[in-house]
Amino acid sequence: MREILFRGKTKGGKWVYGFYLQSIGEVDVIRTKTRTGGRIIWEEFEVIPETVGQYTGLQDKSGKKIFEGDVVYSEGSQGPVKYYMDQEGCQFAFEDHKGEGYDLSSWATIEIIGNIHDK
């Protein structure tokens, strides 16, 4: 089973990773879980909705988790990772500057080179 994980950027500019709670009390929240000793500590962070992206279930060549909104590079092509849905199904893919789409799972040498939110 694929790990379900989201990330979002707080208004203070910090990236947080965890569970996404959309529009709880009119705000978007990422809830994080930390284990300290035998205790579990839950924290909630208000995030900017446009920055929220889901983990694709894939990692780049360095082992970094690839999220929606990451800009990836592979074999001369680069572009932002998006979630696509059409008549044939759905998938995470990236689209290069020519408008050509690439299924993330078919590339062995993907590298994260940034994201669309940190310029």
N, C-alpha and C. Protein backbone atom coordinates (compact mmCIF):
# COMPACT_ATOMS: atom_id res chain seq x y z
N MET A 1 0.84 -1.18 0.00
CA MET A 1 0.00 0.00 0.00
C MET A 1 0.89 1.25 0.00
N ARG A 2 0.48 2.23 -0.76
CA ARG A 2 1.21 3.48 -0.89
C ARG A 2 1.00 4.36 0.34
N GLU A 3 2.08 5.01 0.77
CA GLU A 3 2.00 5.94 1.90
C GLU A 3 1.20 7.17 1.48
N ILE A 4 0.22 7.55 2.29
CA ILE A 4 -0.57 8.75 2.03
C ILE A 4 0.01 9.87 2.90
N LEU A 5 0.53 10.89 2.26
CA LEU A 5 1.22 11.97 2.97
C LEU A 5 1.04 13.26 2.17
N PHE A 6 0.89 14.35 2.86
CA PHE A 6 0.76 15.65 2.23
C PHE A 6 1.79 16.60 2.80
N ARG A 7 2.08 17.65 2.04
CA ARG A 7 2.91 18.73 2.57
C ARG A 7 2.23 20.04 2.21
N GLY A 8 2.50 21.04 3.01
CA GLY A 8 1.99 22.38 2.74
C GLY A 8 2.90 23.38 3.40
N LYS A 9 2.83 24.60 2.92
CA LYS A 9 3.69 25.66 3.43
C LYS A 9 2.87 26.56 4.35
N THR A 10 3.42 26.81 5.54
CA THR A 10 2.74 27.69 6.48
C THR A 10 2.89 29.14 6.02
N LYS A 11 2.07 30.00 6.58
CA LYS A 11 2.17 31.42 6.23
C LYS A 11 3.51 31.99 6.67
N GLY A 12 4.19 31.31 7.59
CA GLY A 12 5.52 31.72 8.03
C GLY A 12 6.63 31.20 7.12
N GLY A 13 6.25 30.43 6.08
CA GLY A 13 7.23 29.96 5.10
C GLY A 13 7.86 28.61 5.41
N LYS A 14 7.34 27.89 6.40
CA LYS A 14 7.90 26.58 6.77
C LYS A 14 7.08 25.46 6.11
N TRP A 15 7.78 24.47 5.57
CA TRP A 15 7.10 23.30 5.00
C TRP A 15 6.78 22.32 6.13
N VAL A 16 5.54 21.81 6.15
CA VAL A 16 5.15 20.79 7.12
C VAL A 16 4.59 19.59 6.37
N TYR A 17 4.74 18.42 6.96
CA TYR A 17 4.37 17.15 6.32
C TYR A 17 3.46 16.37 7.25
N GLY A 18 2.36 15.84 6.70
CA GLY A 18 1.46 15.06 7.54
C GLY A 18 0.14 14.81 6.84
N PHE A 19 -0.93 14.83 7.64
CA PHE A 19 -2.28 14.58 7.15
C PHE A 19 -2.93 15.91 6.78
N TYR A 20 -3.67 15.92 5.69
CA TYR A 20 -4.31 17.15 5.22
C TYR A 20 -5.74 17.20 5.69
N LEU A 21 -6.10 18.29 6.37
CA LEU A 21 -7.47 18.53 6.80
C LEU A 21 -7.94 19.77 6.07
N GLN A 22 -8.74 19.58 5.05
CA GLN A 22 -9.13 20.69 4.19
C GLN A 22 -10.27 21.48 4.80
N SER A 23 -10.07 22.78 4.89
CA SER A 23 -11.09 23.74 5.32
C SER A 23 -11.74 23.37 6.64
N ILE A 24 -10.91 23.11 7.65
CA ILE A 24 -11.42 22.90 9.01
C ILE A 24 -11.59 24.29 9.63
N GLY A 25 -12.81 24.68 9.91
CA GLY A 25 -13.05 26.00 10.47
C GLY A 25 -12.58 27.12 9.56
N GLU A 26 -12.73 26.93 8.24
CA GLU A 26 -12.39 27.93 7.25
C GLU A 26 -10.90 28.06 6.96
N VAL A 27 -10.06 27.13 7.45
CA VAL A 27 -8.63 27.15 7.14
C VAL A 27 -8.20 25.76 6.70
N ASP A 28 -7.09 25.69 5.98
CA ASP A 28 -6.52 24.41 5.58
C ASP A 28 -5.39 24.08 6.55
N VAL A 29 -5.35 22.82 7.00
CA VAL A 29 -4.45 22.42 8.07
C VAL A 29 -3.70 21.16 7.68
N ILE A 30 -2.42 21.11 8.02
CA ILE A 30 -1.65 19.87 7.98
C ILE A 30 -1.46 19.44 9.43
N ARG A 31 -1.84 18.22 9.74
CA ARG A 31 -1.67 17.68 11.09
C ARG A 31 -0.47 16.75 11.07
N THR A 32 0.48 17.02 11.95
CA THR A 32 1.69 16.20 12.02
C THR A 32 1.66 15.32 13.25
N LYS A 33 2.37 14.21 13.17
CA LYS A 33 2.45 13.26 14.28
C LYS A 33 3.92 13.02 14.59
N THR A 34 4.30 13.22 15.86
CA THR A 34 5.67 13.00 16.30
C THR A 34 5.66 12.05 17.48
N ARG A 35 6.57 11.10 17.47
CA ARG A 35 6.72 10.19 18.61
C ARG A 35 7.87 10.67 19.47
N THR A 36 7.59 10.88 20.75
CA THR A 36 8.62 11.28 21.70
C THR A 36 8.55 10.30 22.86
N GLY A 37 9.58 9.44 22.94
CA GLY A 37 9.52 8.39 23.95
C GLY A 37 8.35 7.50 23.66
N GLY A 38 7.47 7.30 24.63
CA GLY A 38 6.29 6.48 24.43
C GLY A 38 5.06 7.29 24.07
N ARG A 39 5.22 8.61 23.90
CA ARG A 39 4.08 9.48 23.63
C ARG A 39 3.99 9.86 22.16
N ILE A 40 2.76 10.08 21.72
CA ILE A 40 2.51 10.61 20.38
C ILE A 40 2.00 12.03 20.55
N ILE A 41 2.65 12.97 19.84
CA ILE A 41 2.27 14.37 19.91
C ILE A 41 1.71 14.79 18.55
N TRP A 42 0.49 15.31 18.56
CA TRP A 42 -0.16 15.81 17.34
C TRP A 42 -0.08 17.33 17.34
N GLU A 43 0.29 17.90 16.20
CA GLU A 43 0.30 19.35 16.04
C GLU A 43 -0.43 19.69 14.76
N GLU A 44 -1.09 20.83 14.75
CA GLU A 44 -1.77 21.30 13.55
C GLU A 44 -1.19 22.63 13.12
N PHE A 45 -0.96 22.75 11.80
CA PHE A 45 -0.38 23.95 11.23
C PHE A 45 -1.29 24.47 10.13
N GLU A 46 -1.64 25.74 10.19
CA GLU A 46 -2.40 26.34 9.11
C GLU A 46 -1.47 26.51 7.92
N VAL A 47 -1.93 26.08 6.75
CA VAL A 47 -1.11 26.15 5.54
C VAL A 47 -1.81 26.93 4.45
N ILE A 48 -1.01 27.41 3.52
CA ILE A 48 -1.54 28.12 2.36
C ILE A 48 -2.12 27.06 1.40
N PRO A 49 -3.41 27.08 1.12
CA PRO A 49 -4.05 26.01 0.34
C PRO A 49 -3.38 25.70 -1.00
N GLU A 50 -2.90 26.73 -1.70
CA GLU A 50 -2.29 26.52 -3.02
C GLU A 50 -0.98 25.74 -2.95
N THR A 51 -0.38 25.66 -1.75
CA THR A 51 0.91 24.97 -1.62
C THR A 51 0.76 23.50 -1.25
N VAL A 52 -0.45 23.06 -0.96
CA VAL A 52 -0.65 21.68 -0.53
C VAL A 52 -0.47 20.73 -1.71
N GLY A 53 0.34 19.70 -1.50
CA GLY A 53 0.57 18.69 -2.52
C GLY A 53 0.68 17.32 -1.90
N GLN A 54 0.23 16.31 -2.63
CA GLN A 54 0.26 14.94 -2.14
C GLN A 54 1.54 14.25 -2.56
N TYR A 55 2.03 13.37 -1.69
CA TYR A 55 3.18 12.52 -1.99
C TYR A 55 2.78 11.56 -3.11
N THR A 56 3.64 11.41 -4.10
CA THR A 56 3.33 10.56 -5.26
C THR A 56 3.55 9.08 -5.00
N GLY A 57 4.24 8.76 -3.92
CA GLY A 57 4.59 7.36 -3.66
C GLY A 57 5.93 7.00 -4.29
N LEU A 58 6.56 7.98 -4.94
CA LEU A 58 7.84 7.76 -5.62
C LEU A 58 8.92 8.64 -5.01
N GLN A 59 10.17 8.22 -5.23
CA GLN A 59 11.31 8.98 -4.75
C GLN A 59 12.22 9.31 -5.93
N ASP A 60 12.97 10.40 -5.80
CA ASP A 60 13.92 10.73 -6.86
C ASP A 60 15.19 9.89 -6.69
N LYS A 61 16.17 10.13 -7.54
CA LYS A 61 17.37 9.29 -7.54
C LYS A 61 18.18 9.43 -6.25
N SER A 62 17.93 10.48 -5.45
CA SER A 62 18.62 10.67 -4.17
C SER A 62 17.81 10.13 -2.99
N GLY A 63 16.63 9.59 -3.26
CA GLY A 63 15.78 9.07 -2.19
C GLY A 63 14.81 10.08 -1.60
N LYS A 64 14.74 11.31 -2.18
CA LYS A 64 13.80 12.32 -1.70
C LYS A 64 12.40 12.01 -2.21
N LYS A 65 11.41 12.15 -1.33
CA LYS A 65 10.02 11.92 -1.71
C LYS A 65 9.57 12.99 -2.71
N ILE A 66 8.88 12.55 -3.76
CA ILE A 66 8.38 13.46 -4.79
C ILE A 66 6.92 13.81 -4.49
N PHE A 67 6.64 15.12 -4.41
CA PHE A 67 5.30 15.62 -4.12
C PHE A 67 4.77 16.39 -5.33
N GLU A 68 3.44 16.51 -5.39
CA GLU A 68 2.83 17.42 -6.36
C GLU A 68 3.45 18.80 -6.15
N GLY A 69 3.74 19.49 -7.23
CA GLY A 69 4.32 20.82 -7.13
C GLY A 69 5.84 20.83 -7.21
N ASP A 70 6.47 19.66 -7.02
CA ASP A 70 7.92 19.59 -7.21
C ASP A 70 8.22 19.78 -8.69
N VAL A 71 9.36 20.37 -8.98
CA VAL A 71 9.83 20.45 -10.35
C VAL A 71 10.91 19.39 -10.48
N VAL A 72 10.72 18.48 -11.44
CA VAL A 72 11.65 17.37 -11.60
C VAL A 72 12.36 17.45 -12.95
N TYR A 73 13.52 16.80 -13.00
CA TYR A 73 14.34 16.75 -14.21
C TYR A 73 14.70 15.31 -14.49
N SER A 74 14.66 14.92 -15.75
CA SER A 74 15.11 13.59 -16.15
C SER A 74 15.39 13.57 -17.65
N GLU A 75 16.55 13.10 -17.98
CA GLU A 75 16.93 12.86 -19.38
C GLU A 75 16.60 14.03 -20.31
N GLY A 76 16.94 15.24 -19.89
CA GLY A 76 16.75 16.41 -20.75
C GLY A 76 15.38 17.06 -20.66
N SER A 77 14.46 16.50 -19.91
CA SER A 77 13.12 17.08 -19.76
C SER A 77 12.91 17.48 -18.31
N GLN A 78 12.18 18.55 -18.11
CA GLN A 78 11.86 18.96 -16.75
C GLN A 78 10.50 19.61 -16.73
N GLY A 79 9.88 19.60 -15.55
CA GLY A 79 8.58 20.22 -15.39
C GLY A 79 7.99 19.95 -14.03
N PRO A 80 6.87 20.61 -13.71
CA PRO A 80 6.22 20.42 -12.42
C PRO A 80 5.40 19.13 -12.37
N VAL A 81 5.39 18.51 -11.20
CA VAL A 81 4.61 17.29 -11.00
C VAL A 81 3.16 17.67 -10.72
N LYS A 82 2.25 16.99 -11.43
CA LYS A 82 0.82 17.23 -11.28
C LYS A 82 0.09 15.89 -11.23
N TYR A 83 -1.14 15.94 -10.76
CA TYR A 83 -2.00 14.76 -10.76
C TYR A 83 -2.92 14.90 -11.97
N TYR A 84 -2.90 13.91 -12.85
CA TYR A 84 -3.71 13.93 -14.07
C TYR A 84 -4.78 12.85 -14.03
N MET A 85 -5.95 13.17 -14.54
CA MET A 85 -7.02 12.20 -14.65
C MET A 85 -7.66 12.35 -16.03
N ASP A 86 -7.81 11.23 -16.75
CA ASP A 86 -8.48 11.26 -18.04
C ASP A 86 -9.24 9.96 -18.24
N GLN A 87 -9.68 9.69 -19.47
CA GLN A 87 -10.47 8.49 -19.76
C GLN A 87 -9.68 7.21 -19.51
N GLU A 88 -8.36 7.28 -19.62
CA GLU A 88 -7.52 6.09 -19.45
C GLU A 88 -7.17 5.81 -17.99
N GLY A 89 -7.42 6.75 -17.11
CA GLY A 89 -7.10 6.56 -15.70
C GLY A 89 -6.52 7.82 -15.09
N CYS A 90 -5.77 7.64 -14.01
CA CYS A 90 -5.16 8.78 -13.35
C CYS A 90 -3.74 8.43 -12.95
N GLN A 91 -2.91 9.45 -12.84
CA GLN A 91 -1.51 9.23 -12.52
C GLN A 91 -0.85 10.55 -12.12
N PHE A 92 0.30 10.44 -11.46
CA PHE A 92 1.15 11.59 -11.24
C PHE A 92 2.09 11.66 -12.43
N ALA A 93 2.27 12.85 -12.97
CA ALA A 93 3.12 13.03 -14.15
C ALA A 93 3.71 14.43 -14.11
N PHE A 94 4.66 14.66 -15.00
CA PHE A 94 5.14 16.03 -15.16
C PHE A 94 5.05 16.42 -16.62
N GLU A 95 4.88 17.71 -16.83
CA GLU A 95 4.72 18.24 -18.18
C GLU A 95 5.87 19.20 -18.46
N ASP A 96 6.58 19.01 -19.58
CA ASP A 96 7.71 19.87 -19.91
C ASP A 96 7.23 21.16 -20.57
N HIS A 97 8.17 22.03 -20.92
CA HIS A 97 7.84 23.33 -21.49
C HIS A 97 7.18 23.22 -22.87
N LYS A 98 7.27 22.07 -23.53
CA LYS A 98 6.63 21.86 -24.82
C LYS A 98 5.21 21.34 -24.68
N GLY A 99 4.79 21.08 -23.43
CA GLY A 99 3.45 20.56 -23.20
C GLY A 99 3.35 19.05 -23.28
N GLU A 100 4.51 18.37 -23.35
CA GLU A 100 4.49 16.91 -23.38
C GLU A 100 4.48 16.36 -21.96
N GLY A 101 3.61 15.40 -21.70
CA GLY A 101 3.49 14.81 -20.37
C GLY A 101 4.28 13.52 -20.25
N TYR A 102 4.78 13.27 -19.04
CA TYR A 102 5.58 12.08 -18.76
C TYR A 102 5.10 11.42 -17.48
N ASP A 103 4.79 10.15 -17.55
CA ASP A 103 4.41 9.37 -16.39
C ASP A 103 5.63 9.24 -15.49
N LEU A 104 5.50 9.65 -14.23
CA LEU A 104 6.64 9.61 -13.31
C LEU A 104 7.19 8.21 -13.10
N SER A 105 6.32 7.22 -13.05
CA SER A 105 6.76 5.86 -12.71
C SER A 105 7.63 5.22 -13.78
N SER A 106 7.67 5.79 -14.98
CA SER A 106 8.46 5.19 -16.06
C SER A 106 9.89 5.73 -16.13
N TRP A 107 10.27 6.64 -15.24
CA TRP A 107 11.59 7.25 -15.27
C TRP A 107 12.43 6.74 -14.10
N ALA A 108 13.63 6.28 -14.38
CA ALA A 108 14.50 5.75 -13.33
C ALA A 108 15.43 6.81 -12.75
N THR A 109 15.63 7.91 -13.46
CA THR A 109 16.64 8.88 -13.03
C THR A 109 16.05 10.25 -12.72
N ILE A 110 14.88 10.30 -12.16
CA ILE A 110 14.24 11.59 -11.84
C ILE A 110 15.00 12.27 -10.71
N GLU A 111 15.14 13.59 -10.85
CA GLU A 111 15.80 14.40 -9.82
C GLU A 111 14.91 15.60 -9.51
N ILE A 112 14.67 15.86 -8.23
CA ILE A 112 13.92 17.06 -7.83
C ILE A 112 14.88 18.24 -7.91
N ILE A 113 14.47 19.28 -8.66
CA ILE A 113 15.34 20.45 -8.80
C ILE A 113 14.70 21.70 -8.18
N GLY A 114 13.54 21.56 -7.59
CA GLY A 114 12.87 22.68 -6.94
C GLY A 114 11.39 22.40 -6.81
N ASN A 115 10.61 23.44 -6.58
CA ASN A 115 9.16 23.30 -6.58
C ASN A 115 8.56 24.62 -7.05
N ILE A 116 7.28 24.57 -7.39
CA ILE A 116 6.63 25.75 -7.97
C ILE A 116 6.35 26.84 -6.95
N HIS A 117 6.51 26.55 -5.66
CA HIS A 117 6.17 27.51 -4.61
C HIS A 117 7.37 28.26 -4.07
N ASP A 118 8.57 27.74 -4.20
CA ASP A 118 9.79 28.39 -3.76
C ASP A 118 10.55 28.85 -4.98
N LYS A 119 10.50 30.10 -5.27
CA LYS A 119 11.15 30.58 -6.48
C LYS A 119 12.41 31.33 -6.16
